[in-house]
Amino acid sequence: MREFSESYLSRTREGMWADSRDALEPLVLDSRDRTLDVGCGTGELSRVLAAESPGEVIGCDADSDLLAAASEHVPTVAGDAVRLPFPDDTFDLVVCQALLINLPDPTAALEEFARVSTDLVAAVEPDNAAVEIDSSVAAEGRLERRARRAYLEGVDTDVALGAGARDAFETAGLEVLATRRYDHVRTVEPPYSDGALMAARRKATGDGLADDRETILSGAVTESEYDDLRSSWREMGRTVVEQMGTKEYRRAETVPFFVTVGRVA
């Protein structure tokens, strides 16, 4: 399973569910007694669950550093998604967000979720193949699509699972009750945050793309194609930095998430 830093999770999930929580309606949060958030990370979803539910919400993650941050909002327990440290039928809702896409066997995790749930299992998963970029730098959207395709070819888990999570639910023996789409839109505009400025600098140096080099080269991309992509990426990044200097830079990234809800048989 891939691991992520606290800063990455905070940056990529910032503002999620701030405007609308309609996609969470099938979870019937106002009737929940005990909810488990598996792979809770720093607790962004846990906070929403706790705010919407009258019952207890517990966060569970294998990363102790992330749990330390999540524990500021809800009680937490260390545990693996496919070996949860709870008896059968402990919760009436087990949910995860952006977890299944990082697991080699999503169905095994869903079967474990069903073991500890008496009622519902839910997954909030993105379709990373359908991310859309609208940028004031003309080349940014095109290059990000190119890099994303190359990354998807090399990654060893289904990071586009979101729209098709129903299949994994049914294979795990869950009765799918609903699937709802939620678009998480992240914007960059003046005044630029420290995170946005750092992301721009990493584009200009090519460091961000370098982090994914091994995965990209695991697919169909050759060394020379990767070098060409990184060169174009750095040039694009320099333009982003220039536009930030004149406060002209604007960017909107839309990540489609799908909330799939199933009932334990």
C-alpha atoms as a PDB file:
ATOM      1  CA  MET A   1       0.000   0.000   0.000  1.00  0.00           C
ATOM      2  CA  ARG A   2       1.266   3.471  -0.857  1.00  0.00           C
ATOM      3  CA  GLU A   3       1.987   5.815   2.051  1.00  0.00           C
ATOM      4  CA  PHE A   4       1.267   9.535   2.198  1.00  0.00           C
ATOM      5  CA  SER A   5       2.528  12.369   4.383  1.00  0.00           C
ATOM      6  CA  GLU A   6       0.338  14.467   6.647  1.00  0.00           C
ATOM      7  CA  SER A   7       1.005  17.561   4.504  1.00  0.00           C
ATOM      8  CA  TYR A   8      -0.017  15.730   1.306  1.00  0.00           C
ATOM      9  CA  LEU A   9      -3.293  14.511   2.798  1.00  0.00           C
ATOM     10  CA  SER A  10      -4.120  17.914   4.250  1.00  0.00           C
ATOM     11  CA  ARG A  11      -3.397  19.642   0.937  1.00  0.00           C
ATOM     12  CA  THR A  12      -5.309  17.237  -1.308  1.00  0.00           C
ATOM     13  CA  ARG A  13      -8.369  16.927   0.964  1.00  0.00           C
ATOM     14  CA  GLU A  14      -8.550  20.557   2.058  1.00  0.00           C
ATOM     15  CA  GLY A  15     -12.083  21.901   1.701  1.00  0.00           C
ATOM     16  CA  MET A  16     -13.632  18.543   0.856  1.00  0.00           C
ATOM     17  CA  TRP A  17     -17.273  18.409   2.034  1.00  0.00           C
ATOM     18  CA  ALA A  18     -17.145  22.101   2.982  1.00  0.00           C
ATOM     19  CA  ASP A  19     -19.877  23.138   0.542  1.00  0.00           C
ATOM     20  CA  SER A  20     -22.142  20.109   0.201  1.00  0.00           C
ATOM     21  CA  ARG A  21     -22.569  16.779   1.919  1.00  0.00           C
ATOM     22  CA  ASP A  22     -25.498  15.535  -0.160  1.00  0.00           C
ATOM     23  CA  ALA A  23     -23.419  12.640  -1.528  1.00  0.00           C
ATOM     24  CA  LEU A  24     -23.111  11.301   2.026  1.00  0.00           C
ATOM     25  CA  GLU A  25     -26.883  11.143   2.500  1.00  0.00           C
ATOM     26  CA  PRO A  26     -27.125   7.351   1.790  1.00  0.00           C
ATOM     27  CA  LEU A  27     -24.917   6.732   4.849  1.00  0.00           C
ATOM     28  CA  VAL A  28     -27.848   7.899   7.052  1.00  0.00           C
ATOM     29  CA  LEU A  29     -25.344   9.457   9.435  1.00  0.00           C
ATOM     30  CA  ASP A  30     -27.980  10.927  11.739  1.00  0.00           C
ATOM     31  CA  SER A  31     -28.982   7.399  12.810  1.00  0.00           C
ATOM     32  CA  ARG A  32     -25.519   5.908  13.427  1.00  0.00           C
ATOM     33  CA  ASP A  33     -24.474   4.588  16.853  1.00  0.00           C
ATOM     34  CA  ARG A  34     -20.898   3.535  16.042  1.00  0.00           C
ATOM     35  CA  THR A  35     -18.967   4.443  12.902  1.00  0.00           C
ATOM     36  CA  LEU A  36     -15.483   3.329  11.886  1.00  0.00           C
ATOM     37  CA  ASP A  37     -13.397   5.410   9.452  1.00  0.00           C
ATOM     38  CA  VAL A  38     -10.778   3.038   8.021  1.00  0.00           C
ATOM     39  CA  GLY A  39      -7.597   4.578   6.613  1.00  0.00           C
ATOM     40  CA  CYS A  40      -8.668   7.796   8.310  1.00  0.00           C
ATOM     41  CA  GLY A  41      -5.327   9.534   7.708  1.00  0.00           C
ATOM     42  CA  THR A  42      -5.354  12.924   9.407  1.00  0.00           C
ATOM     43  CA  GLY A  43      -9.084  12.686  10.084  1.00  0.00           C
ATOM     44  CA  GLU A  44     -10.655  14.955   7.456  1.00  0.00           C
ATOM     45  CA  LEU A  45     -13.587  12.606   6.843  1.00  0.00           C
ATOM     46  CA  SER A  46     -13.704  11.570  10.509  1.00  0.00           C
ATOM     47  CA  ARG A  47     -14.494  15.161  11.470  1.00  0.00           C
ATOM     48  CA  VAL A  48     -17.400  15.264   9.020  1.00  0.00           C
ATOM     49  CA  LEU A  49     -18.748  11.937  10.271  1.00  0.00           C
ATOM     50  CA  ALA A  50     -18.510  13.100  13.891  1.00  0.00           C
ATOM     51  CA  ALA A  51     -20.301  16.361  13.080  1.00  0.00           C
ATOM     52  CA  GLU A  52     -23.150  14.602  11.269  1.00  0.00           C
ATOM     53  CA  SER A  53     -23.591  11.571  13.536  1.00  0.00           C
ATOM     54  CA  PRO A  54     -24.979  11.448  17.087  1.00  0.00           C
ATOM     55  CA  GLY A  55     -22.993   8.307  17.856  1.00  0.00           C
ATOM     56  CA  GLU A  56     -19.325   7.475  18.354  1.00  0.00           C
ATOM     57  CA  VAL A  57     -16.866   7.798  15.455  1.00  0.00           C
ATOM     58  CA  ILE A  58     -13.526   5.989  15.602  1.00  0.00           C
ATOM     59  CA  GLY A  59     -10.629   6.540  13.216  1.00  0.00           C
ATOM     60  CA  CYS A  60      -8.370   3.653  12.214  1.00  0.00           C
ATOM     61  CA  ASP A  61      -5.086   3.828  10.294  1.00  0.00           C
ATOM     62  CA  ALA A  62      -1.826   1.896  10.051  1.00  0.00           C
ATOM     63  CA  ASP A  63       0.285   5.087  10.207  1.00  0.00           C
ATOM     64  CA  SER A  64       0.878   6.267  13.787  1.00  0.00           C
ATOM     65  CA  ASP A  65       1.971   9.754  12.686  1.00  0.00           C
ATOM     66  CA  LEU A  66      -1.294  10.313  10.808  1.00  0.00           C
ATOM     67  CA  LEU A  67      -3.293   8.933  13.740  1.00  0.00           C
ATOM     68  CA  ALA A  68      -1.700  11.519  16.015  1.00  0.00           C
ATOM     69  CA  ALA A  69      -3.272  14.248  13.880  1.00  0.00           C
ATOM     70  CA  ALA A  70      -6.628  12.462  13.586  1.00  0.00           C
ATOM     71  CA  SER A  71      -6.805  11.905  17.354  1.00  0.00           C
ATOM     72  CA  GLU A  72      -7.337  15.643  17.803  1.00  0.00           C
ATOM     73  CA  HIS A  73     -10.825  15.141  16.371  1.00  0.00           C
ATOM     74  CA  VAL A  74     -11.939  11.557  17.158  1.00  0.00           C
ATOM     75  CA  PRO A  75     -10.759   8.520  19.140  1.00  0.00           C
ATOM     76  CA  THR A  76      -8.295   6.471  17.087  1.00  0.00           C
ATOM     77  CA  VAL A  77      -7.019   2.903  16.883  1.00  0.00           C
ATOM     78  CA  ALA A  78      -4.024   1.586  14.961  1.00  0.00           C
ATOM     79  CA  GLY A  79      -4.930  -1.141  12.516  1.00  0.00           C
ATOM     80  CA  ASP A  80      -4.626  -2.657   9.047  1.00  0.00           C
ATOM     81  CA  ALA A  81      -7.546  -2.373   6.619  1.00  0.00           C
ATOM     82  CA  VAL A  82      -7.581  -6.115   5.932  1.00  0.00           C
ATOM     83  CA  ARG A  83      -7.008  -7.135   9.574  1.00  0.00           C
ATOM     84  CA  LEU A  84      -9.124  -4.755  11.623  1.00  0.00           C
ATOM     85  CA  PRO A  85      -8.555  -5.028  15.409  1.00  0.00           C
ATOM     86  CA  PHE A  86     -12.267  -5.333  16.233  1.00  0.00           C
ATOM     87  CA  PRO A  87     -14.675  -8.235  16.882  1.00  0.00           C
ATOM     88  CA  ASP A  88     -17.443  -9.085  14.422  1.00  0.00           C
ATOM     89  CA  ASP A  89     -20.427  -6.703  14.324  1.00  0.00           C
ATOM     90  CA  THR A  90     -18.761  -3.903  16.295  1.00  0.00           C
ATOM     91  CA  PHE A  91     -20.072  -1.015  14.160  1.00  0.00           C
ATOM     92  CA  ASP A  92     -23.217  -0.161  12.235  1.00  0.00           C
ATOM     93  CA  LEU A  93     -21.259   1.782   9.584  1.00  0.00           C
ATOM     94  CA  VAL A  94     -17.740   1.233   8.252  1.00  0.00           C
ATOM     95  CA  VAL A  95     -16.478   3.805   5.760  1.00  0.00           C
ATOM     96  CA  CYS A  96     -13.249   4.747   3.994  1.00  0.00           C
ATOM     97  CA  GLN A  97     -12.108   7.607   1.797  1.00  0.00           C
ATOM     98  CA  ALA A  98      -9.455   7.308  -0.937  1.00  0.00           C
ATOM     99  CA  LEU A  99      -8.264   4.028   0.576  1.00  0.00           C
ATOM    100  CA  LEU A 100      -9.357   1.241  -1.793  1.00  0.00           C
ATOM    101  CA  ILE A 101      -7.514   2.865  -4.711  1.00  0.00           C
ATOM    102  CA  ASN A 102      -4.260   2.302  -2.820  1.00  0.00           C
ATOM    103  CA  LEU A 103      -4.842  -1.343  -1.896  1.00  0.00           C
ATOM    104  CA  PRO A 104      -3.734  -4.315  -4.008  1.00  0.00           C
ATOM    105  CA  ASP A 105      -6.946  -6.185  -3.082  1.00  0.00           C
ATOM    106  CA  PRO A 106      -9.884  -3.802  -2.456  1.00  0.00           C
ATOM    107  CA  THR A 107     -12.331  -6.704  -2.193  1.00  0.00           C
ATOM    108  CA  ALA A 108     -10.424  -8.219   0.754  1.00  0.00           C
ATOM    109  CA  ALA A 109     -10.705  -4.898   2.596  1.00  0.00           C
ATOM    110  CA  LEU A 110     -14.442  -4.654   1.878  1.00  0.00           C
ATOM    111  CA  GLU A 111     -14.953  -8.195   3.178  1.00  0.00           C
ATOM    112  CA  GLU A 112     -13.171  -7.165   6.386  1.00  0.00           C
ATOM    113  CA  PHE A 113     -15.332  -4.018   6.631  1.00  0.00           C
ATOM    114  CA  ALA A 114     -18.440  -6.223   6.301  1.00  0.00           C
ATOM    115  CA  ARG A 115     -17.171  -8.507   9.068  1.00  0.00           C
ATOM    116  CA  VAL A 116     -17.136  -5.707  11.639  1.00  0.00           C
ATOM    117  CA  SER A 117     -20.333  -3.981  10.436  1.00  0.00           C
ATOM    118  CA  THR A 118     -23.911  -4.928  11.271  1.00  0.00           C
ATOM    119  CA  ASP A 119     -25.436  -2.719   8.592  1.00  0.00           C
ATOM    120  CA  LEU A 120     -23.629  -0.507   6.054  1.00  0.00           C
ATOM    121  CA  VAL A 121     -20.240  -0.327   4.369  1.00  0.00           C
ATOM    122  CA  ALA A 122     -19.339   2.762   2.339  1.00  0.00           C
ATOM    123  CA  ALA A 123     -16.374   3.869   0.241  1.00  0.00           C
ATOM    124  CA  VAL A 124     -15.599   7.386  -0.981  1.00  0.00           C
ATOM    125  CA  GLU A 125     -13.176   6.766  -3.832  1.00  0.00           C
ATOM    126  CA  PRO A 126     -11.881   8.989  -6.664  1.00  0.00           C
ATOM    127  CA  ASP A 127     -11.625   8.255 -10.362  1.00  0.00           C
ATOM    128  CA  ASN A 128      -8.147   9.630 -10.916  1.00  0.00           C
ATOM    129  CA  ALA A 129      -8.331   8.918 -14.632  1.00  0.00           C
ATOM    130  CA  ALA A 130     -11.087  11.531 -14.991  1.00  0.00           C
ATOM    131  CA  VAL A 131      -9.412  14.497 -13.233  1.00  0.00           C
ATOM    132  CA  GLU A 132      -9.883  17.785 -15.111  1.00  0.00           C
ATOM    133  CA  ILE A 133      -7.541  20.792 -15.002  1.00  0.00           C
ATOM    134  CA  ASP A 134      -8.471  24.353 -16.002  1.00  0.00           C
ATOM    135  CA  SER A 135      -5.382  26.579 -15.863  1.00  0.00           C
ATOM    136  CA  SER A 136      -4.276  30.015 -17.001  1.00  0.00           C
ATOM    137  CA  VAL A 137      -1.090  28.269 -18.215  1.00  0.00           C
ATOM    138  CA  ALA A 138      -2.190  26.691 -21.472  1.00  0.00           C
ATOM    139  CA  ALA A 139       0.245  23.766 -21.325  1.00  0.00           C
ATOM    140  CA  GLU A 140      -0.568  22.719 -17.759  1.00  0.00           C
ATOM    141  CA  GLY A 141      -3.757  20.763 -18.417  1.00  0.00           C
ATOM    142  CA  ARG A 142      -2.269  18.985 -21.439  1.00  0.00           C
ATOM    143  CA  LEU A 143       0.933  18.004 -19.620  1.00  0.00           C
ATOM    144  CA  GLU A 144      -0.930  16.845 -16.524  1.00  0.00           C
ATOM    145  CA  ARG A 145      -3.139  14.593 -18.653  1.00  0.00           C
ATOM    146  CA  ARG A 146      -0.030  13.183 -20.317  1.00  0.00           C
ATOM    147  CA  ALA A 147       1.700  12.580 -16.985  1.00  0.00           C
ATOM    148  CA  ARG A 148      -1.446  11.079 -15.472  1.00  0.00           C
ATOM    149  CA  ARG A 149      -1.842   8.577 -18.325  1.00  0.00           C
ATOM    150  CA  ALA A 150       1.781   7.524 -17.942  1.00  0.00           C
ATOM    151  CA  TYR A 151       1.398   7.177 -14.170  1.00  0.00           C
ATOM    152  CA  LEU A 152      -1.798   5.123 -14.458  1.00  0.00           C
ATOM    153  CA  GLU A 153      -0.045   2.686 -16.804  1.00  0.00           C
ATOM    154  CA  GLY A 154       2.700   2.077 -14.252  1.00  0.00           C
ATOM    155  CA  VAL A 155       0.855   2.101 -10.933  1.00  0.00           C
ATOM    156  CA  ASP A 156       0.060  -1.295  -9.410  1.00  0.00           C
ATOM    157  CA  THR A 157      -3.346  -0.501  -7.890  1.00  0.00           C
ATOM    158  CA  ASP A 158      -6.606   0.705  -9.430  1.00  0.00           C
ATOM    159  CA  VAL A 159      -6.401   4.450  -8.796  1.00  0.00           C
ATOM    160  CA  ALA A 160      -9.398   4.977 -11.093  1.00  0.00           C
ATOM    161  CA  LEU A 161     -11.576   2.644  -8.999  1.00  0.00           C
ATOM    162  CA  GLY A 162     -14.123   5.243  -7.897  1.00  0.00           C
ATOM    163  CA  ALA A 163     -16.679   4.970 -10.695  1.00  0.00           C
ATOM    164  CA  GLY A 164     -16.469   1.167 -10.738  1.00  0.00           C
ATOM    165  CA  ALA A 165     -16.388   0.401  -7.011  1.00  0.00           C
ATOM    166  CA  ARG A 166     -19.767  -1.361  -7.318  1.00  0.00           C
ATOM    167  CA  ASP A 167     -18.027  -4.426  -8.783  1.00  0.00           C
ATOM    168  CA  ALA A 168     -15.722  -4.756  -5.762  1.00  0.00           C
ATOM    169  CA  PHE A 169     -18.687  -4.343  -3.387  1.00  0.00           C
ATOM    170  CA  GLU A 170     -20.685  -7.068  -5.117  1.00  0.00           C
ATOM    171  CA  THR A 171     -17.694  -9.404  -5.204  1.00  0.00           C
ATOM    172  CA  ALA A 172     -17.359  -8.868  -1.437  1.00  0.00           C
ATOM    173  CA  GLY A 173     -20.984  -9.986  -1.007  1.00  0.00           C
ATOM    174  CA  LEU A 174     -22.408  -6.530  -0.303  1.00  0.00           C
ATOM    175  CA  GLU A 175     -25.780  -5.380  -1.635  1.00  0.00           C
ATOM    176  CA  VAL A 176     -25.117  -2.042  -3.349  1.00  0.00           C
ATOM    177  CA  LEU A 177     -27.718   0.506  -2.265  1.00  0.00           C
ATOM    178  CA  ALA A 178     -26.447   3.684  -3.889  1.00  0.00           C
ATOM    179  CA  THR A 179     -23.629   5.348  -5.788  1.00  0.00           C
ATOM    180  CA  ARG A 180     -23.350   9.142  -5.778  1.00  0.00           C
ATOM    181  CA  ARG A 181     -20.806  11.412  -7.392  1.00  0.00           C
ATOM    182  CA  TYR A 182     -19.118  14.259  -5.544  1.00  0.00           C
ATOM    183  CA  ASP A 183     -16.756  16.620  -7.391  1.00  0.00           C
ATOM    184  CA  HIS A 184     -13.963  17.928  -5.208  1.00  0.00           C
ATOM    185  CA  VAL A 185     -12.733  21.181  -6.766  1.00  0.00           C
ATOM    186  CA  ARG A 186      -9.403  22.570  -5.621  1.00  0.00           C
ATOM    187  CA  THR A 187      -8.584  26.104  -6.752  1.00  0.00           C
ATOM    188  CA  VAL A 188      -5.405  28.165  -6.795  1.00  0.00           C
ATOM    189  CA  GLU A 189      -5.716  31.942  -7.067  1.00  0.00           C
ATOM    190  CA  PRO A 190      -4.257  35.056  -5.419  1.00  0.00           C
ATOM    191  CA  PRO A 191      -3.348  35.393  -2.633  1.00  0.00           C
ATOM    192  CA  TYR A 192      -1.400  32.174  -3.082  1.00  0.00           C
ATOM    193  CA  SER A 193      -0.979  29.845  -0.123  1.00  0.00           C
ATOM    194  CA  ASP A 194       2.410  28.524   0.949  1.00  0.00           C
ATOM    195  CA  GLY A 195       1.372  25.117  -0.372  1.00  0.00           C
ATOM    196  CA  ALA A 196       0.508  26.544  -3.787  1.00  0.00           C
ATOM    197  CA  LEU A 197       3.829  28.373  -3.985  1.00  0.00           C
ATOM    198  CA  MET A 198       5.716  25.206  -3.053  1.00  0.00           C
ATOM    199  CA  ALA A 199       3.790  23.187  -5.657  1.00  0.00           C
ATOM    200  CA  ALA A 200       4.715  25.753  -8.326  1.00  0.00           C
ATOM    201  CA  ARG A 201       8.389  25.596  -7.409  1.00  0.00           C
ATOM    202  CA  ARG A 202       8.297  21.797  -7.588  1.00  0.00           C
ATOM    203  CA  LYS A 203       6.822  22.042 -11.088  1.00  0.00           C
ATOM    204  CA  ALA A 204       9.600  24.422 -12.148  1.00  0.00           C
ATOM    205  CA  THR A 205      12.303  22.063 -10.862  1.00  0.00           C
ATOM    206  CA  GLY A 206      10.551  18.907 -12.024  1.00  0.00           C
ATOM    207  CA  ASP A 207      10.790  17.453  -8.506  1.00  0.00           C
ATOM    208  CA  GLY A 208       7.114  16.472  -8.399  1.00  0.00           C
ATOM    209  CA  LEU A 209       7.415  14.446 -11.577  1.00  0.00           C
ATOM    210  CA  ALA A 210      10.699  12.961 -10.378  1.00  0.00           C
ATOM    211  CA  ASP A 211       8.890  11.504  -7.354  1.00  0.00           C
ATOM    212  CA  ASP A 212       6.777   9.420  -9.762  1.00  0.00           C
ATOM    213  CA  ARG A 213       9.639   8.503 -12.105  1.00  0.00           C
ATOM    214  CA  GLU A 214       9.859   4.851 -11.096  1.00  0.00           C
ATOM    215  CA  THR A 215       6.100   4.338 -11.434  1.00  0.00           C
ATOM    216  CA  ILE A 216       5.953   6.103 -14.810  1.00  0.00           C
ATOM    217  CA  LEU A 217       8.837   4.033 -16.183  1.00  0.00           C
ATOM    218  CA  SER A 218       7.078   0.857 -15.006  1.00  0.00           C
ATOM    219  CA  GLY A 219       4.515   1.452 -17.746  1.00  0.00           C
ATOM    220  CA  ALA A 220       4.991   1.967 -21.463  1.00  0.00           C
ATOM    221  CA  VAL A 221       6.999   5.214 -21.199  1.00  0.00           C
ATOM    222  CA  THR A 222      10.664   5.039 -22.243  1.00  0.00           C
ATOM    223  CA  GLU A 223      13.546   6.886 -20.582  1.00  0.00           C
ATOM    224  CA  SER A 224      13.737   9.404 -23.440  1.00  0.00           C
ATOM    225  CA  GLU A 225       9.974   9.987 -23.350  1.00  0.00           C
ATOM    226  CA  TYR A 226      10.150  10.570 -19.609  1.00  0.00           C
ATOM    227  CA  ASP A 227      13.041  13.036 -20.027  1.00  0.00           C
ATOM    228  CA  ASP A 228      11.067  14.891 -22.698  1.00  0.00           C
ATOM    229  CA  LEU A 229       8.019  15.035 -20.442  1.00  0.00           C
ATOM    230  CA  ARG A 230      10.060  16.326 -17.500  1.00  0.00           C
ATOM    231  CA  SER A 231      11.699  19.005 -19.642  1.00  0.00           C
ATOM    232  CA  SER A 232       8.300  20.239 -20.817  1.00  0.00           C
ATOM    233  CA  TRP A 233       7.017  19.983 -17.255  1.00  0.00           C
ATOM    234  CA  ARG A 234       9.792  22.238 -15.938  1.00  0.00           C
ATOM    235  CA  GLU A 235       9.137  24.789 -18.676  1.00  0.00           C
ATOM    236  CA  MET A 236       5.446  24.779 -17.776  1.00  0.00           C
ATOM    237  CA  GLY A 237       6.368  25.199 -14.105  1.00  0.00           C
ATOM    238  CA  ARG A 238       8.505  28.236 -14.836  1.00  0.00           C
ATOM    239  CA  THR A 239       5.526  29.820 -16.580  1.00  0.00           C
ATOM    240  CA  VAL A 240       3.378  29.073 -13.530  1.00  0.00           C
ATOM    241  CA  VAL A 241       5.940  30.777 -11.281  1.00  0.00           C
ATOM    242  CA  GLU A 242       6.090  33.791 -13.626  1.00  0.00           C
ATOM    243  CA  GLN A 243       2.306  34.146 -13.621  1.00  0.00           C
ATOM    244  CA  MET A 244       2.261  33.889  -9.838  1.00  0.00           C
ATOM    245  CA  GLY A 245       4.749  36.745  -9.714  1.00  0.00           C
ATOM    246  CA  THR A 246       2.256  38.970 -11.541  1.00  0.00           C
ATOM    247  CA  LYS A 247      -0.748  37.411  -9.729  1.00  0.00           C
ATOM    248  CA  GLU A 248      -2.189  36.176 -13.036  1.00  0.00           C
ATOM    249  CA  TYR A 249      -2.083  32.468 -12.281  1.00  0.00           C
ATOM    250  CA  ARG A 250      -5.393  30.656 -11.843  1.00  0.00           C
ATOM    251  CA  ARG A 251      -5.989  26.922 -11.622  1.00  0.00           C
ATOM    252  CA  ALA A 252      -9.006  24.710 -10.900  1.00  0.00           C
ATOM    253  CA  GLU A 253      -8.641  20.953 -10.478  1.00  0.00           C
ATOM    254  CA  THR A 254     -11.792  18.819 -10.403  1.00  0.00           C
ATOM    255  CA  VAL A 255     -11.441  15.358  -8.895  1.00  0.00           C
ATOM    256  CA  PRO A 256     -14.570  13.172  -9.231  1.00  0.00           C
ATOM    257  CA  PHE A 257     -15.283  11.078  -6.133  1.00  0.00           C
ATOM    258  CA  PHE A 258     -17.905   8.338  -5.991  1.00  0.00           C
ATOM    259  CA  VAL A 259     -19.668   7.415  -2.760  1.00  0.00           C
ATOM    260  CA  THR A 260     -20.653   3.743  -2.955  1.00  0.00           C
ATOM    261  CA  VAL A 261     -22.843   2.352  -0.181  1.00  0.00           C
ATOM    262  CA  GLY A 262     -23.568  -1.335   0.415  1.00  0.00           C
ATOM    263  CA  ARG A 263     -25.524  -3.327   2.969  1.00  0.00           C
ATOM    264  CA  VAL A 264     -24.095  -6.319   4.784  1.00  0.00           C
ATOM    265  CA  ALA A 265     -25.938  -9.478   3.784  1.00  0.00           C
END
